Amino acid sequence: EIRTGRASPHLVEGLHVDYFGTPTMLKSLASITVPDARLIVIQPWDATVIPEIEKTIQKSNLGITPFNDGKIVRLQIPQLTTERREELKKVVKTMSEEGHVSVRTIRRDANEVIKKLETDKKISEDDRFKAQDEIQKITDKYTKELETVLVEKEKELAAF
């Protein structure tokens, strides 16, 4: 998850908190709400776990200091600097490019399997063409999703 200066429960819900010796996802231990664009409120079902929640957040490299009142933990999301926004745009672009490479690699591997099936006479040439066409449609779908996510993240980073 890329922190864009906007509060989101996704920033913390997947963190694993030591709950009586068992690593437990934060979303299983607490209600996580976002009352405004710069604040995350974590209300654990069991208040005795608050110190562990704070430790986990501090170790997570989110760069956010947790505050608690004994019942809830508040995370105030700091404003991003212009330099940090530019850095994050580059990170998001790199992640998108890596996603595209992964999708193309999967397409290549799938097409090789299809060609081998035809070579081994397990499918016909027509079936190979149909399968390759379907693989390309799936590739196009996921490529478009990657582009959509990239555009949304870039807009989020520019919005503040």
C-alpha atoms as a PDB file:
ATOM      1  CA  GLU A   1       0.000   0.000   0.000  1.00  0.00           C
ATOM      2  CA  ILE A   2       1.375   3.394  -0.999  1.00  0.00           C
ATOM      3  CA  ARG A   3       0.579   6.109   1.521  1.00  0.00           C
ATOM      4  CA  THR A   4      -0.666   9.117  -0.462  1.00  0.00           C
ATOM      5  CA  GLY A   5      -1.403  11.466   2.414  1.00  0.00           C
ATOM      6  CA  ARG A   6      -4.998  10.286   2.623  1.00  0.00           C
ATOM      7  CA  ALA A   7      -6.151   8.089   5.499  1.00  0.00           C
ATOM      8  CA  SER A   8      -7.209   4.578   4.518  1.00  0.00           C
ATOM      9  CA  PRO A   9      -7.902   1.507   6.661  1.00  0.00           C
ATOM     10  CA  HIS A  10      -5.793  -0.479   4.158  1.00  0.00           C
ATOM     11  CA  LEU A  11      -2.681   1.166   5.587  1.00  0.00           C
ATOM     12  CA  VAL A  12      -2.988  -0.778   8.845  1.00  0.00           C
ATOM     13  CA  GLU A  13      -5.585  -3.545   8.610  1.00  0.00           C
ATOM     14  CA  GLY A  14      -3.104  -6.143   7.365  1.00  0.00           C
ATOM     15  CA  LEU A  15      -0.523  -5.495  10.092  1.00  0.00           C
ATOM     16  CA  HIS A  16       0.125  -8.492  12.334  1.00  0.00           C
ATOM     17  CA  VAL A  17      -0.103  -7.713  16.041  1.00  0.00           C
ATOM     18  CA  ASP A  18       1.288 -10.036  18.725  1.00  0.00           C
ATOM     19  CA  TYR A  19      -1.921 -11.006  20.514  1.00  0.00           C
ATOM     20  CA  PHE A  20      -1.073 -13.275  23.461  1.00  0.00           C
ATOM     21  CA  GLY A  21       1.831 -14.781  21.528  1.00  0.00           C
ATOM     22  CA  THR A  22      -0.080 -15.246  18.275  1.00  0.00           C
ATOM     23  CA  PRO A  23       0.480 -12.943  15.269  1.00  0.00           C
ATOM     24  CA  THR A  24      -3.038 -11.711  14.490  1.00  0.00           C
ATOM     25  CA  MET A  25      -4.146  -9.311  11.763  1.00  0.00           C
ATOM     26  CA  LEU A  26      -5.147  -5.943  13.167  1.00  0.00           C
ATOM     27  CA  LYS A  27      -8.501  -6.004  11.377  1.00  0.00           C
ATOM     28  CA  SER A  28      -9.349  -9.132  13.415  1.00  0.00           C
ATOM     29  CA  LEU A  29      -8.580  -7.356  16.692  1.00  0.00           C
ATOM     30  CA  ALA A  30     -10.207  -3.989  16.173  1.00  0.00           C
ATOM     31  CA  SER A  31     -12.634  -1.776  14.361  1.00  0.00           C
ATOM     32  CA  ILE A  32     -10.736   0.485  11.943  1.00  0.00           C
ATOM     33  CA  THR A  33     -12.484   3.659  10.807  1.00  0.00           C
ATOM     34  CA  VAL A  34     -11.544   6.794   8.882  1.00  0.00           C
ATOM     35  CA  PRO A  35     -13.561   9.728  10.282  1.00  0.00           C
ATOM     36  CA  ASP A  36     -11.784  12.224   7.992  1.00  0.00           C
ATOM     37  CA  ALA A  37      -9.142  12.331   5.257  1.00  0.00           C
ATOM     38  CA  ARG A  38      -6.228  12.626   7.704  1.00  0.00           C
ATOM     39  CA  LEU A  39      -7.239  10.364  10.606  1.00  0.00           C
ATOM     40  CA  ILE A  40      -7.440   6.613  11.197  1.00  0.00           C
ATOM     41  CA  VAL A  41      -9.142   5.430  14.395  1.00  0.00           C
ATOM     42  CA  ILE A  42      -8.457   1.926  15.690  1.00  0.00           C
ATOM     43  CA  GLN A  43     -10.813   0.681  18.407  1.00  0.00           C
ATOM     44  CA  PRO A  44      -9.695  -2.743  19.672  1.00  0.00           C
ATOM     45  CA  TRP A  45     -12.254  -5.184  21.030  1.00  0.00           C
ATOM     46  CA  ASP A  46      -9.811  -5.781  23.924  1.00  0.00           C
ATOM     47  CA  ALA A  47      -8.140  -2.577  25.211  1.00  0.00           C
ATOM     48  CA  THR A  48      -5.248  -4.565  26.731  1.00  0.00           C
ATOM     49  CA  VAL A  49      -3.852  -5.051  23.218  1.00  0.00           C
ATOM     50  CA  ILE A  50      -3.351  -1.285  22.637  1.00  0.00           C
ATOM     51  CA  PRO A  51       0.368  -1.293  23.584  1.00  0.00           C
ATOM     52  CA  GLU A  52       1.006  -4.129  21.105  1.00  0.00           C
ATOM     53  CA  ILE A  53      -0.942  -2.288  18.391  1.00  0.00           C
ATOM     54  CA  GLU A  54       1.209   0.806  18.993  1.00  0.00           C
ATOM     55  CA  LYS A  55       4.436  -1.245  18.847  1.00  0.00           C
ATOM     56  CA  THR A  56       3.361  -2.896  15.599  1.00  0.00           C
ATOM     57  CA  ILE A  57       2.509   0.455  13.975  1.00  0.00           C
ATOM     58  CA  GLN A  58       5.833   1.967  15.073  1.00  0.00           C
ATOM     59  CA  LYS A  59       7.774  -1.008  13.636  1.00  0.00           C
ATOM     60  CA  SER A  60       5.805  -0.939  10.367  1.00  0.00           C
ATOM     61  CA  ASN A  61       7.772   1.913   8.739  1.00  0.00           C
ATOM     62  CA  LEU A  62       4.540   3.780   7.991  1.00  0.00           C
ATOM     63  CA  GLY A  63       6.123   6.887   9.447  1.00  0.00           C
ATOM     64  CA  ILE A  64       3.071   7.563  11.615  1.00  0.00           C
ATOM     65  CA  THR A  65       3.144   7.930  15.389  1.00  0.00           C
ATOM     66  CA  PRO A  66       0.147   6.328  17.131  1.00  0.00           C
ATOM     67  CA  PHE A  67      -1.645   8.121  19.993  1.00  0.00           C
ATOM     68  CA  ASN A  68      -4.038   6.413  22.412  1.00  0.00           C
ATOM     69  CA  ASP A  69      -6.444   7.444  25.168  1.00  0.00           C
ATOM     70  CA  GLY A  70      -6.700   3.992  26.755  1.00  0.00           C
ATOM     71  CA  LYS A  71      -9.662   2.972  24.575  1.00  0.00           C
ATOM     72  CA  ILE A  72      -8.720   3.844  21.000  1.00  0.00           C
ATOM     73  CA  VAL A  73      -5.588   4.432  18.934  1.00  0.00           C
ATOM     74  CA  ARG A  74      -5.471   7.465  16.653  1.00  0.00           C
ATOM     75  CA  LEU A  75      -3.188   7.797  13.652  1.00  0.00           C
ATOM     76  CA  GLN A  76      -2.851  11.323  12.281  1.00  0.00           C
ATOM     77  CA  ILE A  77      -1.721  11.115   8.655  1.00  0.00           C
ATOM     78  CA  PRO A  78       0.850  13.849   7.909  1.00  0.00           C
ATOM     79  CA  GLN A  79       0.704  16.038   4.825  1.00  0.00           C
ATOM     80  CA  LEU A  80       3.050  14.854   2.070  1.00  0.00           C
ATOM     81  CA  THR A  81       5.770  17.189   0.828  1.00  0.00           C
ATOM     82  CA  THR A  82       6.029  17.971  -2.879  1.00  0.00           C
ATOM     83  CA  GLU A  83       9.327  16.063  -3.053  1.00  0.00           C
ATOM     84  CA  ARG A  84       7.782  13.001  -1.402  1.00  0.00           C
ATOM     85  CA  ARG A  85       4.840  13.115  -3.833  1.00  0.00           C
ATOM     86  CA  GLU A  86       7.244  13.053  -6.771  1.00  0.00           C
ATOM     87  CA  GLU A  87       9.135  10.122  -5.222  1.00  0.00           C
ATOM     88  CA  LEU A  88       5.879   8.234  -4.693  1.00  0.00           C
ATOM     89  CA  LYS A  89       4.782   8.879  -8.288  1.00  0.00           C
ATOM     90  CA  LYS A  90       8.009   7.216  -9.442  1.00  0.00           C
ATOM     91  CA  VAL A  91       7.432   4.279  -7.052  1.00  0.00           C
ATOM     92  CA  VAL A  92       3.868   3.828  -8.318  1.00  0.00           C
ATOM     93  CA  LYS A  93       5.048   3.992 -11.947  1.00  0.00           C
ATOM     94  CA  THR A  94       7.725   1.350 -11.221  1.00  0.00           C
ATOM     95  CA  MET A  95       5.160  -0.909  -9.521  1.00  0.00           C
ATOM     96  CA  SER A  96       2.889  -0.547 -12.546  1.00  0.00           C
ATOM     97  CA  GLU A  97       5.723  -1.405 -14.942  1.00  0.00           C
ATOM     98  CA  GLU A  98       6.583  -4.483 -12.851  1.00  0.00           C
ATOM     99  CA  GLY A  99       2.933  -5.510 -13.018  1.00  0.00           C
ATOM    100  CA  HIS A 100       2.953  -5.191 -16.815  1.00  0.00           C
ATOM    101  CA  VAL A 101       6.089  -7.330 -17.043  1.00  0.00           C
ATOM    102  CA  SER A 102       4.467  -9.988 -14.843  1.00  0.00           C
ATOM    103  CA  VAL A 103       1.320 -10.052 -16.976  1.00  0.00           C
ATOM    104  CA  ARG A 104       3.362 -10.380 -20.181  1.00  0.00           C
ATOM    105  CA  THR A 105       5.463 -13.168 -18.648  1.00  0.00           C
ATOM    106  CA  ILE A 106       2.334 -15.083 -17.677  1.00  0.00           C
ATOM    107  CA  ARG A 107       0.940 -14.581 -21.205  1.00  0.00           C
ATOM    108  CA  ARG A 108       4.173 -15.910 -22.752  1.00  0.00           C
ATOM    109  CA  ASP A 109       4.194 -18.958 -20.440  1.00  0.00           C
ATOM    110  CA  ALA A 110       0.535 -19.716 -21.155  1.00  0.00           C
ATOM    111  CA  ASN A 111       1.097 -19.435 -24.916  1.00  0.00           C
ATOM    112  CA  GLU A 112       4.062 -21.821 -24.682  1.00  0.00           C
ATOM    113  CA  VAL A 113       1.871 -24.374 -22.889  1.00  0.00           C
ATOM    114  CA  ILE A 114      -0.783 -24.035 -25.608  1.00  0.00           C
ATOM    115  CA  LYS A 115       1.810 -24.479 -28.384  1.00  0.00           C
ATOM    116  CA  LYS A 116       3.187 -27.584 -26.656  1.00  0.00           C
ATOM    117  CA  LEU A 117      -0.328 -29.044 -26.416  1.00  0.00           C
ATOM    118  CA  GLU A 118      -0.738 -28.552 -30.164  1.00  0.00           C
ATOM    119  CA  THR A 119       2.720 -30.050 -30.861  1.00  0.00           C
ATOM    120  CA  ASP A 120       1.799 -33.069 -28.709  1.00  0.00           C
ATOM    121  CA  LYS A 121      -1.433 -33.395 -30.748  1.00  0.00           C
ATOM    122  CA  LYS A 122      -3.603 -32.860 -27.637  1.00  0.00           C
ATOM    123  CA  ILE A 123      -5.376 -29.871 -29.203  1.00  0.00           C
ATOM    124  CA  SER A 124      -6.027 -28.763 -32.773  1.00  0.00           C
ATOM    125  CA  GLU A 125      -4.587 -25.688 -34.481  1.00  0.00           C
ATOM    126  CA  ASP A 126      -8.024 -24.025 -34.220  1.00  0.00           C
ATOM    127  CA  ASP A 127      -8.090 -24.696 -30.481  1.00  0.00           C
ATOM    128  CA  ARG A 128      -4.620 -23.189 -30.163  1.00  0.00           C
ATOM    129  CA  PHE A 129      -5.748 -20.016 -31.926  1.00  0.00           C
ATOM    130  CA  LYS A 130      -8.876 -19.810 -29.749  1.00  0.00           C
ATOM    131  CA  ALA A 131      -6.835 -20.306 -26.582  1.00  0.00           C
ATOM    132  CA  GLN A 132      -4.253 -17.707 -27.607  1.00  0.00           C
ATOM    133  CA  ASP A 133      -7.040 -15.267 -28.391  1.00  0.00           C
ATOM    134  CA  GLU A 134      -8.553 -15.855 -24.951  1.00  0.00           C
ATOM    135  CA  ILE A 135      -5.135 -15.434 -23.301  1.00  0.00           C
ATOM    136  CA  GLN A 136      -4.718 -12.102 -25.114  1.00  0.00           C
ATOM    137  CA  LYS A 137      -8.167 -10.924 -23.944  1.00  0.00           C
ATOM    138  CA  ILE A 138      -7.248 -11.761 -20.334  1.00  0.00           C
ATOM    139  CA  THR A 139      -3.878 -10.010 -20.771  1.00  0.00           C
ATOM    140  CA  ASP A 140      -5.626  -6.908 -22.118  1.00  0.00           C
ATOM    141  CA  LYS A 141      -8.082  -6.925 -19.202  1.00  0.00           C
ATOM    142  CA  TYR A 142      -5.336  -6.976 -16.563  1.00  0.00           C
ATOM    143  CA  THR A 143      -3.182  -4.474 -18.453  1.00  0.00           C
ATOM    144  CA  LYS A 144      -6.130  -2.083 -18.472  1.00  0.00           C
ATOM    145  CA  GLU A 145      -6.693  -2.651 -14.725  1.00  0.00           C
ATOM    146  CA  LEU A 146      -3.033  -1.830 -14.043  1.00  0.00           C
ATOM    147  CA  GLU A 147      -3.364   1.398 -16.038  1.00  0.00           C
ATOM    148  CA  THR A 148      -6.550   2.338 -14.163  1.00  0.00           C
ATOM    149  CA  VAL A 149      -4.889   1.816 -10.780  1.00  0.00           C
ATOM    150  CA  LEU A 150      -1.843   3.820 -11.902  1.00  0.00           C
ATOM    151  CA  VAL A 151      -3.990   6.756 -13.025  1.00  0.00           C
ATOM    152  CA  GLU A 152      -6.015   6.671  -9.767  1.00  0.00           C
ATOM    153  CA  LYS A 153      -2.857   6.642  -7.600  1.00  0.00           C
ATOM    154  CA  GLU A 154      -1.320   9.484  -9.607  1.00  0.00           C
ATOM    155  CA  LYS A 155      -4.515  11.515  -9.126  1.00  0.00           C
ATOM    156  CA  GLU A 156      -4.467  10.774  -5.372  1.00  0.00           C
ATOM    157  CA  LEU A 157      -0.866  11.944  -5.144  1.00  0.00           C
ATOM    158  CA  ALA A 158      -1.666  15.150  -7.021  1.00  0.00           C
ATOM    159  CA  ALA A 159      -4.904  15.872  -5.112  1.00  0.00           C
ATOM    160  CA  PHE A 160      -3.375  17.381  -1.999  1.00  0.00           C
END
